[in-house]
Amino acid sequence: MRMIPFGGQDFRSVREGGHLYIDKSLLLKDIFATYDEGVYLFTRPRRFGKSMNLSMIDAFLNLDYKGNKWFDGLQISDHPELDVYRNRYPVLYVDMTLLNWDDYDGFIWSYNRLLSKLMERYPDLKDSDKINKRVRRTLNDIDSMELHGNDVKGALDDIACGLAAHYGSKVVVLIDEYDKPLNDAYGKEDFDRIRSFLRYVYTTLLEGNPHVQMAVLTGVMQIAKESIFSGLNNLDVNNVLSTSSAERFGFTEGEVRSICAEYGHPEKFDEVKEWYDGYSFGGVEIYNPWSVLKYIRESFVSGPYWASTSGNDIIADLLENRDVNVHDRLVALMKGDVVETTIDTSVSYDRLGSDSETLFSVMVMSGYLKARTIGETTMVAIPNKEMRKVFVNTVMQSVKMDKVHTSSFINALTDGDIEGVKFVLEKILYTLFSCRILDSEHVYQSFVLGLVASAGDRFDITGDHESGDGYHDIRMVSRNPMVPHILMELKKADDERSADILSAKALEQIRGKRYQYGLTGRVHLFGMAFHGKRVVVRFEGIDGPGQS
């Protein structure tokens, strides 16, 4: 039984270590079937195998890896006509996920550090007698992290020039997650400066560069030319709606069946399908590969594994500025409905803030929704059980509830009004939620946290944090000494009868675990038990014991 690879491993380490590898090597055939020049962009959601595929391309083309056996037994071995490309080129491999910063100066420092780490792959390059003085000066400045202005912008082009001269061959450029810096910077003060910087970098490196044979880029979104690729005419884009290479990213159903069988649990396939299937790339049914492997690594225990790996600030911003039409369709999606929309696979950052319809395009490209196009119509839906949970946890909290309901709920909590709390919770649950979503305490907790989030100016609100002798579900510490603090413990019941018992146990847990520790003044304790869309609420008001 092969070991399951973990995050961060590349093709070389997986193949050398004898780890599980799902064969995607025919992506190379797809690329060279078109031509061996130009710029290829593959966009897929995060954790769908883009980095592994890019490292596979590196292993096949990089002349530093001549004589490797990593492709033995893979499907690409059945295509000897592609051997002409094998380990033929110097490769410039740029990983944009390494960039981290808080402002523009931090971005420049981080970019210099990326260049410095990149040069560690070519220790002999700066001393080569085949490169010119300008390139040598740039390489030395990279080594000392002293590049500034246009020198730092043009550094990747200079490295490509140096590699081509040193090896006497054009260079293959590989850029992983090319759009991550822009997605991270979106909505921040320095966004325009960072976008201008990267536009210069990418255009200089990729547009008609005599030193570059071809380039392959990966990312989540296809950024419109006017935003980043102005002037680049040789760009071949493959996205989630493209029919070619559709099965090269993520796992197909046959691959998932084989994995379950290999690890001794073929009977678990139906559970895997329910949780991690549902994506449609170019009409091909695709499973989330990250979650499938994590599920097996966690001894076939299901859970929303992808959620912790795929934050998207752009989606949060677009949700904040949605219109009524978009809101109604989000509600329909949460109910499990299929929604009609228009998907634009080429995203212009300048349009994001003014066109709320782009939210659905970003969600499809980011993996939150699946899309199927029939003629001129595109239908979107939540793809699977995992993503229903992610939708609640990461999207629903950004969707402000009706202000009347949120205000009524918070007033009921501060007044100790059991019937008011119950009324608001059940009204929203019946209006917004599908029973398929309401399948765990965590979902209910996320829902209630989203409901009280608007009170963040009056309370310090935490969920699943340590207090007293345990971890409270929801704790709202009042900033006004005249307003009581609020503690809520939530339980999921299997039936209405047990809901009454569990609500009492929830209230007892707050007292027994002393979740009120450290609070002075009045404290309102709420024990809540949910059965589907019904809720039983118990209440007790106490005086906070402070530190005693």
Protein backbone atom coordinates (compact mmCIF):
# COMPACT_ATOMS: atom_id res chain seq x y z
CA MET A 1 0.00 0.00 0.00
CA ARG A 2 1.51 3.31 -1.12
CA MET A 3 1.81 6.20 1.32
CA ILE A 4 -0.62 9.11 0.88
CA PRO A 5 1.28 12.27 -0.14
CA PHE A 6 0.88 15.31 2.07
CA GLY A 7 0.56 18.97 1.11
CA GLY A 8 3.68 20.60 -0.32
CA GLN A 9 5.19 17.51 -1.94
CA ASP A 10 6.19 17.78 -5.57
CA PHE A 11 6.16 15.22 -8.39
CA ARG A 12 9.79 14.25 -7.89
CA SER A 13 9.48 13.49 -4.16
CA VAL A 14 6.21 11.60 -4.65
CA ARG A 15 7.66 9.39 -7.39
CA GLU A 16 10.99 8.80 -5.65
CA GLY A 17 9.25 8.05 -2.36
CA GLY A 18 6.83 5.55 -3.91
CA HIS A 19 3.82 7.57 -2.72
CA LEU A 20 0.38 7.39 -4.26
CA TYR A 21 0.38 9.25 -7.57
CA ILE A 22 -2.69 9.59 -9.75
CA ASP A 23 -1.36 9.69 -13.30
CA LYS A 24 -1.90 13.09 -14.92
CA SER A 25 1.12 12.88 -17.21
CA LEU A 26 -0.97 13.12 -20.39
CA LEU A 27 -1.27 16.83 -19.63
CA LEU A 28 2.10 17.02 -21.39
CA LYS A 29 0.58 15.47 -24.50
CA ASP A 30 -2.28 17.98 -24.34
CA ILE A 31 0.19 20.86 -24.27
CA PHE A 32 2.44 19.69 -27.08
CA ALA A 33 -0.48 18.61 -29.25
CA THR A 34 -1.09 22.33 -29.86
CA TYR A 35 2.42 23.70 -30.21
CA ASP A 36 5.61 24.01 -28.21
CA GLU A 37 5.63 27.79 -28.11
CA GLY A 38 3.41 30.39 -26.47
CA VAL A 39 1.98 30.87 -23.00
CA TYR A 40 -0.43 28.36 -21.43
CA LEU A 41 -2.63 29.33 -18.48
CA PHE A 42 -4.47 26.64 -16.48
CA THR A 43 -6.97 27.95 -13.93
CA ARG A 44 -8.57 25.70 -11.31
CA PRO A 45 -9.60 26.08 -7.64
CA ARG A 46 -6.91 25.84 -5.00
CA ARG A 47 -5.80 22.34 -4.00
CA PHE A 48 -6.93 20.74 -7.25
CA GLY A 49 -3.49 19.51 -8.33
CA LYS A 50 -2.09 22.55 -10.15
CA SER A 51 1.22 22.63 -8.27
CA MET A 52 1.72 18.88 -8.65
CA ASN A 53 1.10 19.13 -12.38
CA LEU A 54 3.46 22.06 -12.74
CA SER A 55 6.21 20.17 -10.92
CA MET A 56 5.49 17.20 -13.22
CA ILE A 57 6.04 19.46 -16.26
CA ASP A 58 9.28 20.67 -14.67
CA ALA A 59 10.44 17.08 -14.14
CA PHE A 60 9.76 16.21 -17.80
CA LEU A 61 11.35 19.27 -19.43
CA ASN A 62 14.13 20.36 -17.08
CA LEU A 63 17.59 19.46 -18.40
CA ASP A 64 18.86 19.26 -14.82
CA TYR A 65 16.86 16.04 -14.41
CA LYS A 66 18.24 14.07 -17.34
CA GLY A 67 18.14 10.31 -16.87
CA ASN A 68 15.38 10.30 -14.25
CA LYS A 69 13.03 7.30 -14.00
CA TRP A 70 10.07 9.21 -12.57
CA PHE A 71 7.87 8.70 -15.65
CA ASP A 72 8.42 4.96 -15.95
CA GLY A 73 5.06 3.21 -16.09
CA LEU A 74 3.08 6.42 -16.55
CA GLN A 75 0.80 7.01 -19.52
CA ILE A 76 3.15 9.54 -21.12
CA SER A 77 5.65 6.68 -21.61
CA ASP A 78 3.33 5.38 -24.34
CA HIS A 79 4.13 8.48 -26.41
CA PRO A 80 7.80 8.24 -27.46
CA GLU A 81 7.22 11.04 -29.98
CA LEU A 82 7.39 13.44 -27.01
CA ASP A 83 10.88 12.28 -26.01
CA VAL A 84 12.28 15.08 -28.15
CA TYR A 85 11.19 17.49 -25.41
CA ARG A 86 12.29 15.40 -22.45
CA ASN A 87 14.84 17.13 -20.20
CA ARG A 88 15.79 19.44 -23.04
CA TYR A 89 15.35 22.93 -21.55
CA PRO A 90 16.57 25.07 -18.68
CA VAL A 91 13.50 25.78 -16.54
CA LEU A 92 12.69 28.96 -14.64
CA TYR A 93 10.24 27.85 -11.92
CA VAL A 94 8.56 30.70 -10.00
CA ASP A 95 6.30 29.96 -7.01
CA MET A 96 4.18 33.05 -6.31
CA THR A 97 2.67 31.48 -3.17
CA LEU A 98 5.93 32.37 -1.41
CA LEU A 99 5.03 36.07 -1.50
CA ASN A 100 3.67 37.43 1.79
CA TRP A 101 3.41 41.07 2.83
CA ASP A 102 1.41 43.76 4.64
CA ASP A 103 2.11 46.76 2.42
CA TYR A 104 3.93 47.67 -0.80
CA ASP A 105 7.37 47.92 0.83
CA GLY A 106 6.79 44.50 2.37
CA PHE A 107 5.74 43.17 -1.03
CA ILE A 108 9.00 44.39 -2.64
CA TRP A 109 11.03 42.84 0.18
CA SER A 110 9.12 39.56 -0.17
CA TYR A 111 9.61 39.59 -3.95
CA ASN A 112 13.37 40.15 -3.49
CA ARG A 113 13.42 37.19 -1.12
CA LEU A 114 11.57 35.07 -3.69
CA LEU A 115 14.21 35.97 -6.29
CA SER A 116 16.99 35.14 -3.85
CA LYS A 117 15.52 31.70 -3.11
CA LEU A 118 14.99 31.16 -6.82
CA MET A 119 18.67 31.75 -7.51
CA GLU A 120 19.56 28.96 -5.08
CA ARG A 121 18.48 26.59 -7.87
CA TYR A 122 21.20 28.02 -10.14
CA PRO A 123 24.32 28.35 -7.93
CA ASP A 124 26.74 28.53 -10.89
CA LEU A 125 24.79 30.98 -13.02
CA LYS A 126 26.16 34.31 -11.80
CA ASP A 127 29.76 33.10 -12.33
CA SER A 128 29.13 31.89 -15.87
CA ASP A 129 31.42 33.44 -18.48
CA LYS A 130 28.55 33.27 -21.01
CA ILE A 131 26.32 35.95 -19.46
CA ASN A 132 26.71 39.67 -20.08
CA LYS A 133 27.67 42.32 -17.52
CA ARG A 134 24.14 43.70 -17.05
CA VAL A 135 22.70 40.27 -16.24
CA ARG A 136 25.66 39.47 -13.97
CA ARG A 137 25.05 42.73 -12.06
CA THR A 138 21.37 41.85 -11.62
CA LEU A 139 22.19 38.36 -10.39
CA ASN A 140 24.67 39.73 -7.85
CA ASP A 141 22.10 42.26 -6.63
CA ILE A 142 19.56 39.44 -6.28
CA ASP A 143 22.04 37.56 -4.13
CA SER A 144 22.36 40.55 -1.80
CA MET A 145 18.63 41.43 -2.03
CA GLU A 146 19.45 44.97 -3.14
CA LEU A 147 17.28 45.30 -6.26
CA HIS A 148 15.12 48.40 -6.59
CA GLY A 149 12.87 50.12 -9.14
CA ASN A 150 12.87 48.73 -12.67
CA ASP A 151 15.79 46.44 -11.81
CA VAL A 152 13.61 44.35 -9.50
CA LYS A 153 10.73 44.41 -12.01
CA GLY A 154 12.95 43.07 -14.78
CA ALA A 155 14.85 40.56 -12.66
CA LEU A 156 12.97 37.45 -13.88
CA ASP A 157 13.65 38.47 -17.47
CA ASP A 158 17.34 38.85 -16.63
CA ILE A 159 17.42 35.40 -15.02
CA ALA A 160 15.80 33.93 -18.15
CA CYS A 161 18.37 35.74 -20.29
CA GLY A 162 21.19 34.38 -18.13
CA LEU A 163 19.88 30.80 -18.23
CA ALA A 164 19.47 30.91 -22.01
CA ALA A 165 23.03 32.19 -22.46
CA HIS A 166 24.56 29.77 -19.96
CA TYR A 167 22.89 26.66 -21.38
CA GLY A 168 22.69 27.73 -25.00
CA SER A 169 18.97 26.98 -25.11
CA LYS A 170 15.72 28.83 -24.79
CA VAL A 171 14.06 28.68 -21.38
CA VAL A 172 10.77 27.16 -20.24
CA VAL A 173 9.03 29.43 -17.70
CA LEU A 174 6.73 27.89 -15.08
CA ILE A 175 4.76 30.19 -12.75
CA ASP A 176 2.64 28.67 -9.98
CA GLU A 177 -0.43 30.60 -8.70
CA TYR A 178 0.39 33.64 -10.83
CA ASP A 179 -2.70 35.52 -9.56
CA LYS A 180 -2.25 34.97 -5.81
CA PRO A 181 -0.45 38.28 -5.15
CA LEU A 182 -3.25 40.20 -6.85
CA ASN A 183 -5.99 38.28 -5.07
CA ASP A 184 -4.23 38.91 -1.74
CA ALA A 185 -3.87 42.63 -2.52
CA TYR A 186 -7.44 43.14 -3.73
CA GLY A 187 -9.23 45.82 -1.71
CA LYS A 188 -6.02 47.04 -0.09
CA GLU A 189 -4.46 50.45 -0.45
CA ASP A 190 -1.47 49.24 -2.47
CA PHE A 191 -3.43 47.11 -4.94
CA ASP A 192 -2.86 49.37 -7.96
CA ARG A 193 0.90 49.59 -7.31
CA ILE A 194 1.21 45.81 -6.98
CA ARG A 195 -0.89 45.25 -10.10
CA SER A 196 1.28 47.69 -12.06
CA PHE A 197 4.41 45.93 -10.79
CA LEU A 198 3.20 42.47 -11.82
CA ARG A 199 1.92 43.69 -15.19
CA TYR A 200 5.47 44.87 -15.94
CA VAL A 201 6.99 41.60 -14.67
CA TYR A 202 4.70 39.31 -16.66
CA THR A 203 4.72 41.38 -19.84
CA THR A 204 8.50 41.74 -19.88
CA LEU A 205 9.02 38.03 -19.25
CA LEU A 206 6.30 36.56 -21.48
CA GLU A 207 5.56 38.93 -24.37
CA GLY A 208 7.74 38.06 -27.36
CA ASN A 209 10.76 37.23 -25.20
CA PRO A 210 13.51 35.80 -27.45
CA HIS A 211 14.96 33.85 -24.51
CA VAL A 212 11.70 31.99 -23.69
CA GLN A 213 10.58 28.87 -25.56
CA MET A 214 7.24 28.51 -23.79
CA ALA A 215 5.55 29.28 -20.48
CA VAL A 216 2.98 27.46 -18.36
CA LEU A 217 1.11 29.38 -15.67
CA THR A 218 -1.37 28.15 -13.08
CA GLY A 219 -3.84 30.16 -11.02
CA VAL A 220 -7.35 30.31 -9.65
CA MET A 221 -8.70 33.04 -11.91
CA GLN A 222 -8.19 34.15 -15.47
CA ILE A 223 -7.37 37.82 -15.08
CA ALA A 224 -8.48 40.03 -17.96
CA LYS A 225 -5.75 41.26 -20.27
CA GLU A 226 -6.28 44.89 -19.38
CA SER A 227 -5.59 44.02 -15.74
CA ILE A 228 -2.34 42.09 -16.13
CA PHE A 229 -1.56 40.72 -19.62
CA SER A 230 -1.94 43.79 -21.82
CA GLY A 231 -0.15 43.21 -25.13
CA LEU A 232 0.20 39.44 -24.65
CA ASN A 233 -1.23 37.84 -27.79
CA ASN A 234 0.05 34.27 -27.46
CA LEU A 235 -1.99 33.28 -24.37
CA ASP A 236 -3.82 29.92 -24.45
CA VAL A 237 -6.28 29.69 -21.54
CA ASN A 238 -7.74 26.48 -20.08
CA ASN A 239 -10.34 27.06 -17.32
CA VAL A 240 -13.05 25.15 -15.46
CA LEU A 241 -15.38 25.35 -18.49
CA SER A 242 -12.79 24.18 -21.05
CA THR A 243 -13.40 20.73 -22.50
CA SER A 244 -9.72 19.98 -23.20
CA SER A 245 -7.55 18.68 -20.33
CA ALA A 246 -10.65 18.63 -18.11
CA GLU A 247 -9.69 15.36 -16.37
CA ARG A 248 -6.06 16.43 -15.75
CA PHE A 249 -6.92 18.38 -12.58
CA GLY A 250 -8.75 16.72 -9.71
CA PHE A 251 -9.78 13.05 -9.58
CA THR A 252 -12.22 11.27 -11.87
CA GLU A 253 -14.76 8.78 -10.56
CA GLY A 254 -12.74 5.82 -11.79
CA GLU A 255 -9.62 7.12 -10.05
CA VAL A 256 -11.49 7.57 -6.77
CA ARG A 257 -12.91 4.03 -6.95
CA SER A 258 -9.39 2.68 -7.45
CA ILE A 259 -8.05 4.70 -4.50
CA CYS A 260 -10.78 3.43 -2.15
CA ALA A 261 -10.08 -0.14 -3.25
CA GLU A 262 -6.30 0.21 -2.88
CA TYR A 263 -6.66 1.39 0.71
CA GLY A 264 -9.01 -1.40 1.66
CA HIS A 265 -12.39 0.32 1.76
CA PRO A 266 -14.19 0.07 -1.58
CA GLU A 267 -17.48 0.29 0.35
CA LYS A 268 -16.60 3.89 1.29
CA PHE A 269 -16.95 5.10 -2.28
CA ASP A 270 -20.56 6.27 -1.86
CA GLU A 271 -19.57 8.41 1.13
CA VAL A 272 -16.68 9.93 -0.82
CA LYS A 273 -19.04 10.69 -3.68
CA GLU A 274 -21.54 12.40 -1.39
CA TRP A 275 -18.90 14.56 0.25
CA TYR A 276 -16.32 15.38 -2.44
CA ASP A 277 -17.81 14.79 -5.89
CA GLY A 278 -19.97 17.19 -7.87
CA TYR A 279 -17.54 19.42 -9.72
CA SER A 280 -17.85 19.67 -13.47
CA PHE A 281 -14.78 20.75 -15.41
CA GLY A 282 -15.58 20.99 -19.11
CA GLY A 283 -18.44 18.53 -18.62
CA VAL A 284 -16.24 15.94 -16.84
CA GLU A 285 -17.28 14.83 -13.35
CA ILE A 286 -14.46 15.71 -10.93
CA TYR A 287 -13.76 15.02 -7.24
CA ASN A 288 -11.85 17.36 -4.93
CA PRO A 289 -8.42 15.64 -4.78
CA TRP A 290 -7.19 17.38 -1.62
CA SER A 291 -10.24 16.33 0.37
CA VAL A 292 -10.27 12.77 -0.97
CA LEU A 293 -6.66 12.20 0.08
CA LYS A 294 -7.20 13.90 3.44
CA TYR A 295 -10.27 11.71 4.00
CA ILE A 296 -8.19 8.57 3.46
CA ARG A 297 -5.30 9.90 5.54
CA GLU A 298 -7.80 10.53 8.37
CA SER A 299 -8.86 6.84 8.35
CA PHE A 300 -11.89 7.39 6.11
CA VAL A 301 -13.50 9.97 8.40
CA SER A 302 -15.43 12.59 6.42
CA GLY A 303 -15.20 16.32 7.06
CA PRO A 304 -14.83 19.73 5.35
CA TYR A 305 -11.07 19.42 4.82
CA TRP A 306 -10.85 21.88 1.92
CA ALA A 307 -12.39 24.71 3.97
CA SER A 308 -9.23 25.45 5.96
CA THR A 309 -7.08 25.77 2.82
CA SER A 310 -9.03 28.14 0.62
CA GLY A 311 -9.77 31.59 1.96
CA ASN A 312 -10.87 34.19 -0.56
CA ASP A 313 -11.07 37.86 0.48
CA ILE A 314 -12.47 38.81 -2.92
CA ILE A 315 -15.59 36.72 -2.27
CA ALA A 316 -16.06 38.33 1.15
CA ASP A 317 -15.82 41.78 -0.42
CA LEU A 318 -18.29 40.93 -3.18
CA LEU A 319 -20.73 39.48 -0.64
CA GLU A 320 -20.51 42.67 1.36
CA ASN A 321 -21.57 44.70 -1.68
CA ARG A 322 -24.15 42.34 -3.21
CA ASP A 323 -27.51 43.59 -4.48
CA VAL A 324 -30.98 42.18 -3.73
CA ASN A 325 -31.00 39.93 -6.82
CA VAL A 326 -27.70 38.32 -5.85
CA HIS A 327 -28.86 37.93 -2.25
CA ASP A 328 -32.00 36.05 -3.33
CA ARG A 329 -29.94 33.64 -5.44
CA LEU A 330 -27.51 33.03 -2.56
CA VAL A 331 -30.48 32.09 -0.41
CA ALA A 332 -31.69 29.74 -3.15
CA LEU A 333 -28.25 28.11 -3.34
CA MET A 334 -28.22 27.55 0.41
CA LYS A 335 -31.58 25.82 0.08
CA GLY A 336 -29.99 23.42 -2.43
CA ASP A 337 -31.49 24.97 -5.57
CA VAL A 338 -29.83 25.38 -8.95
CA VAL A 339 -29.44 29.03 -9.98
CA GLU A 340 -29.16 30.58 -13.43
CA THR A 341 -26.44 33.18 -13.94
CA THR A 342 -23.83 34.45 -16.38
CA ILE A 343 -20.26 33.23 -15.94
CA ASP A 344 -17.42 35.41 -17.18
CA THR A 345 -14.22 33.37 -16.99
CA SER A 346 -12.07 36.45 -17.59
CA VAL A 347 -12.14 38.65 -14.48
CA SER A 348 -11.43 42.36 -14.60
CA TYR A 349 -10.55 43.73 -11.16
CA ASP A 350 -11.95 47.10 -12.21
CA ARG A 351 -15.38 45.49 -12.72
CA LEU A 352 -15.43 43.48 -9.52
CA GLY A 353 -16.54 46.35 -7.34
CA SER A 354 -19.25 47.62 -9.70
CA ASP A 355 -20.80 44.41 -11.07
CA SER A 356 -22.21 42.19 -8.33
CA GLU A 357 -22.90 39.43 -10.90
CA THR A 358 -19.18 38.69 -10.96
CA LEU A 359 -19.57 37.08 -7.52
CA PHE A 360 -20.85 33.87 -9.11
CA SER A 361 -18.01 33.81 -11.63
CA VAL A 362 -15.44 34.11 -8.83
CA MET A 363 -17.23 31.43 -6.80
CA VAL A 364 -17.19 29.00 -9.72
CA MET A 365 -13.50 29.56 -10.43
CA SER A 366 -12.63 29.36 -6.73
CA GLY A 367 -14.44 26.03 -6.22
CA TYR A 368 -17.39 27.20 -4.10
CA LEU A 369 -19.88 26.41 -6.86
CA LYS A 370 -20.12 24.03 -9.82
CA ALA A 371 -21.25 25.25 -13.21
CA ARG A 372 -22.87 23.61 -16.21
CA THR A 373 -23.44 25.51 -19.44
CA ILE A 374 -26.32 24.60 -21.74
CA GLY A 375 -26.33 26.79 -24.83
CA GLU A 376 -26.23 30.39 -23.63
CA THR A 377 -27.40 29.48 -20.12
CA THR A 378 -25.12 28.65 -17.18
CA MET A 379 -26.54 26.95 -14.10
CA VAL A 380 -24.65 26.95 -10.81
CA ALA A 381 -25.12 24.98 -7.59
CA ILE A 382 -23.29 23.90 -4.46
CA PRO A 383 -21.42 20.77 -5.62
CA ASN A 384 -21.39 18.45 -2.61
CA LYS A 385 -21.83 17.96 1.12
CA GLU A 386 -18.40 19.35 1.97
CA MET A 387 -19.08 22.56 0.08
CA ARG A 388 -22.52 22.95 1.65
CA LYS A 389 -20.70 23.20 4.97
CA VAL A 390 -18.08 25.53 3.52
CA PHE A 391 -20.85 27.68 2.07
CA VAL A 392 -22.40 28.07 5.51
CA ASN A 393 -19.11 28.56 7.35
CA THR A 394 -17.37 30.98 5.01
CA VAL A 395 -20.09 32.52 2.88
CA MET A 396 -23.12 32.67 5.14
CA GLN A 397 -21.25 34.57 7.83
CA SER A 398 -20.55 37.32 5.29
CA VAL A 399 -24.20 37.57 4.25
CA LYS A 400 -25.83 40.02 6.62
CA MET A 401 -29.19 38.76 7.88
CA ASP A 402 -32.22 41.02 7.68
CA LYS A 403 -31.45 43.92 10.03
CA VAL A 404 -34.83 43.62 11.72
CA HIS A 405 -34.19 39.96 12.56
CA THR A 406 -30.61 40.47 13.75
CA SER A 407 -31.62 43.39 15.91
CA SER A 408 -34.59 41.46 17.31
CA PHE A 409 -32.37 38.45 18.07
CA ILE A 410 -29.74 40.46 19.92
CA ASN A 411 -32.43 42.35 21.87
CA ALA A 412 -34.03 39.03 22.84
CA LEU A 413 -30.67 37.75 24.08
CA THR A 414 -30.02 40.83 26.19
CA ASP A 415 -33.60 40.80 27.54
CA GLY A 416 -33.52 37.10 28.37
CA ASP A 417 -36.55 36.63 26.08
CA ILE A 418 -36.76 32.90 25.35
CA GLU A 419 -39.69 33.17 22.96
CA GLY A 420 -38.04 36.03 21.07
CA VAL A 421 -34.83 34.03 20.61
CA LYS A 422 -36.78 30.96 19.46
CA PHE A 423 -38.97 32.99 17.06
CA VAL A 424 -36.04 34.63 15.22
CA LEU A 425 -33.98 31.45 14.98
CA GLU A 426 -36.83 29.35 13.58
CA LYS A 427 -38.01 32.06 11.19
CA ILE A 428 -34.55 32.37 9.62
CA LEU A 429 -33.95 28.61 9.56
CA TYR A 430 -37.23 27.98 7.76
CA THR A 431 -36.62 30.87 5.35
CA LEU A 432 -32.97 30.38 4.41
CA PHE A 433 -31.77 26.87 5.09
CA SER A 434 -32.11 23.42 3.56
CA CYS A 435 -32.39 20.43 5.89
CA ARG A 436 -29.42 18.90 4.02
CA ILE A 437 -27.18 21.62 5.46
CA LEU A 438 -28.38 21.33 9.05
CA ASP A 439 -26.49 18.17 9.90
CA SER A 440 -24.05 19.13 12.68
CA GLU A 441 -23.63 21.34 15.74
CA HIS A 442 -20.90 23.19 13.87
CA VAL A 443 -23.35 24.31 11.17
CA TYR A 444 -25.76 25.67 13.78
CA GLN A 445 -22.90 27.40 15.56
CA SER A 446 -21.77 29.05 12.33
CA PHE A 447 -25.34 30.17 11.65
CA VAL A 448 -25.75 31.77 15.09
CA LEU A 449 -22.31 33.38 14.91
CA GLY A 450 -23.27 34.90 11.58
CA LEU A 451 -26.49 36.16 13.12
CA VAL A 452 -24.74 38.00 15.99
CA ALA A 453 -21.78 39.22 13.93
CA SER A 454 -23.41 42.61 13.36
CA ALA A 455 -23.18 43.26 17.12
CA GLY A 456 -19.38 43.30 16.99
CA ASP A 457 -19.35 46.99 17.86
CA ARG A 458 -21.14 46.28 21.17
CA PHE A 459 -19.72 42.90 22.15
CA ASP A 460 -16.43 41.03 21.88
CA ILE A 461 -17.70 37.86 20.18
CA THR A 462 -15.83 34.54 20.11
CA GLY A 463 -16.70 30.98 19.15
CA ASP A 464 -14.95 27.74 20.14
CA HIS A 465 -12.56 29.60 22.44
CA GLU A 466 -11.24 28.46 25.80
CA SER A 467 -12.97 29.83 28.88
CA GLY A 468 -13.36 28.48 32.40
CA ASP A 469 -12.76 24.74 32.32
CA GLY A 470 -13.54 24.13 28.63
CA TYR A 471 -14.36 25.65 25.26
CA HIS A 472 -17.54 27.69 24.93
CA ASP A 473 -19.66 27.62 21.77
CA ILE A 474 -20.44 31.36 21.64
CA ARG A 475 -19.44 34.03 24.12
CA MET A 476 -20.45 37.70 23.80
CA VAL A 477 -18.64 39.99 26.25
CA SER A 478 -20.53 43.26 26.58
CA ARG A 479 -18.61 46.54 26.30
CA ASN A 480 -21.37 48.36 28.17
CA PRO A 481 -21.60 47.62 31.92
CA MET A 482 -25.35 48.21 31.73
CA VAL A 483 -25.80 45.43 29.13
CA PRO A 484 -25.44 41.77 30.17
CA HIS A 485 -22.81 39.41 28.80
CA ILE A 486 -24.17 36.46 26.83
CA LEU A 487 -23.10 32.80 26.75
CA MET A 488 -24.64 30.25 24.37
CA GLU A 489 -24.14 26.50 24.25
CA LEU A 490 -25.64 24.68 21.23
CA LYS A 491 -26.60 21.03 20.78
CA LYS A 492 -27.96 19.04 17.83
CA ALA A 493 -30.81 16.68 18.71
CA ASP A 494 -31.95 13.58 16.85
CA ASP A 495 -35.62 14.18 17.68
CA GLU A 496 -37.87 16.70 19.42
CA ARG A 497 -37.99 14.75 22.67
CA SER A 498 -34.21 14.69 23.08
CA ALA A 499 -34.03 18.37 22.16
CA ASP A 500 -35.68 19.30 25.47
CA ILE A 501 -33.20 17.16 27.40
CA LEU A 502 -30.19 18.46 25.48
CA SER A 503 -31.15 22.12 25.97
CA ALA A 504 -31.09 21.51 29.74
CA LYS A 505 -27.71 19.76 29.42
CA ALA A 506 -26.38 22.69 27.39
CA LEU A 507 -27.32 25.11 30.16
CA GLU A 508 -25.81 22.78 32.76
CA GLN A 509 -22.59 22.59 30.71
CA ILE A 510 -22.16 26.37 30.79
CA ARG A 511 -22.42 26.40 34.57
CA GLY A 512 -20.43 23.20 35.12
CA LYS A 513 -17.56 24.27 32.85
CA ARG A 514 -17.66 27.82 34.32
CA TYR A 515 -17.68 29.49 30.91
CA GLN A 516 -18.66 32.71 32.72
CA TYR A 517 -15.27 32.83 34.45
CA GLY A 518 -13.76 36.32 34.33
CA LEU A 519 -17.05 38.10 33.63
CA THR A 520 -18.38 40.64 36.12
CA GLY A 521 -21.92 41.93 36.20
CA ARG A 522 -25.00 40.33 34.72
CA VAL A 523 -24.54 37.24 32.50
CA HIS A 524 -27.26 35.62 30.39
CA LEU A 525 -26.87 31.88 29.81
CA PHE A 526 -28.68 30.19 26.91
CA GLY A 527 -28.85 26.47 26.30
CA MET A 528 -30.14 25.70 22.79
CA ALA A 529 -30.95 22.38 21.19
CA PHE A 530 -31.72 22.17 17.45
CA HIS A 531 -33.73 19.49 15.70
CA GLY A 532 -33.81 20.31 12.01
CA LYS A 533 -35.36 23.77 11.85
CA ARG A 534 -36.92 23.55 15.32
CA VAL A 535 -35.17 24.89 18.40
CA VAL A 536 -35.66 24.50 22.16
CA VAL A 537 -34.24 27.37 24.25
CA ARG A 538 -33.51 27.48 27.97
CA PHE A 539 -32.35 30.57 29.83
CA GLU A 540 -30.82 31.53 33.14
CA GLY A 541 -29.58 34.91 34.31
CA ILE A 542 -26.74 35.04 36.85
CA ASP A 543 -24.32 37.53 38.31
CA GLY A 544 -20.83 37.03 36.89
CA PRO A 545 -18.35 35.73 39.51
CA GLY A 546 -15.38 37.64 38.05
CA GLN A 547 -12.14 35.76 38.73
CA SER A 548 -13.50 33.66 41.57
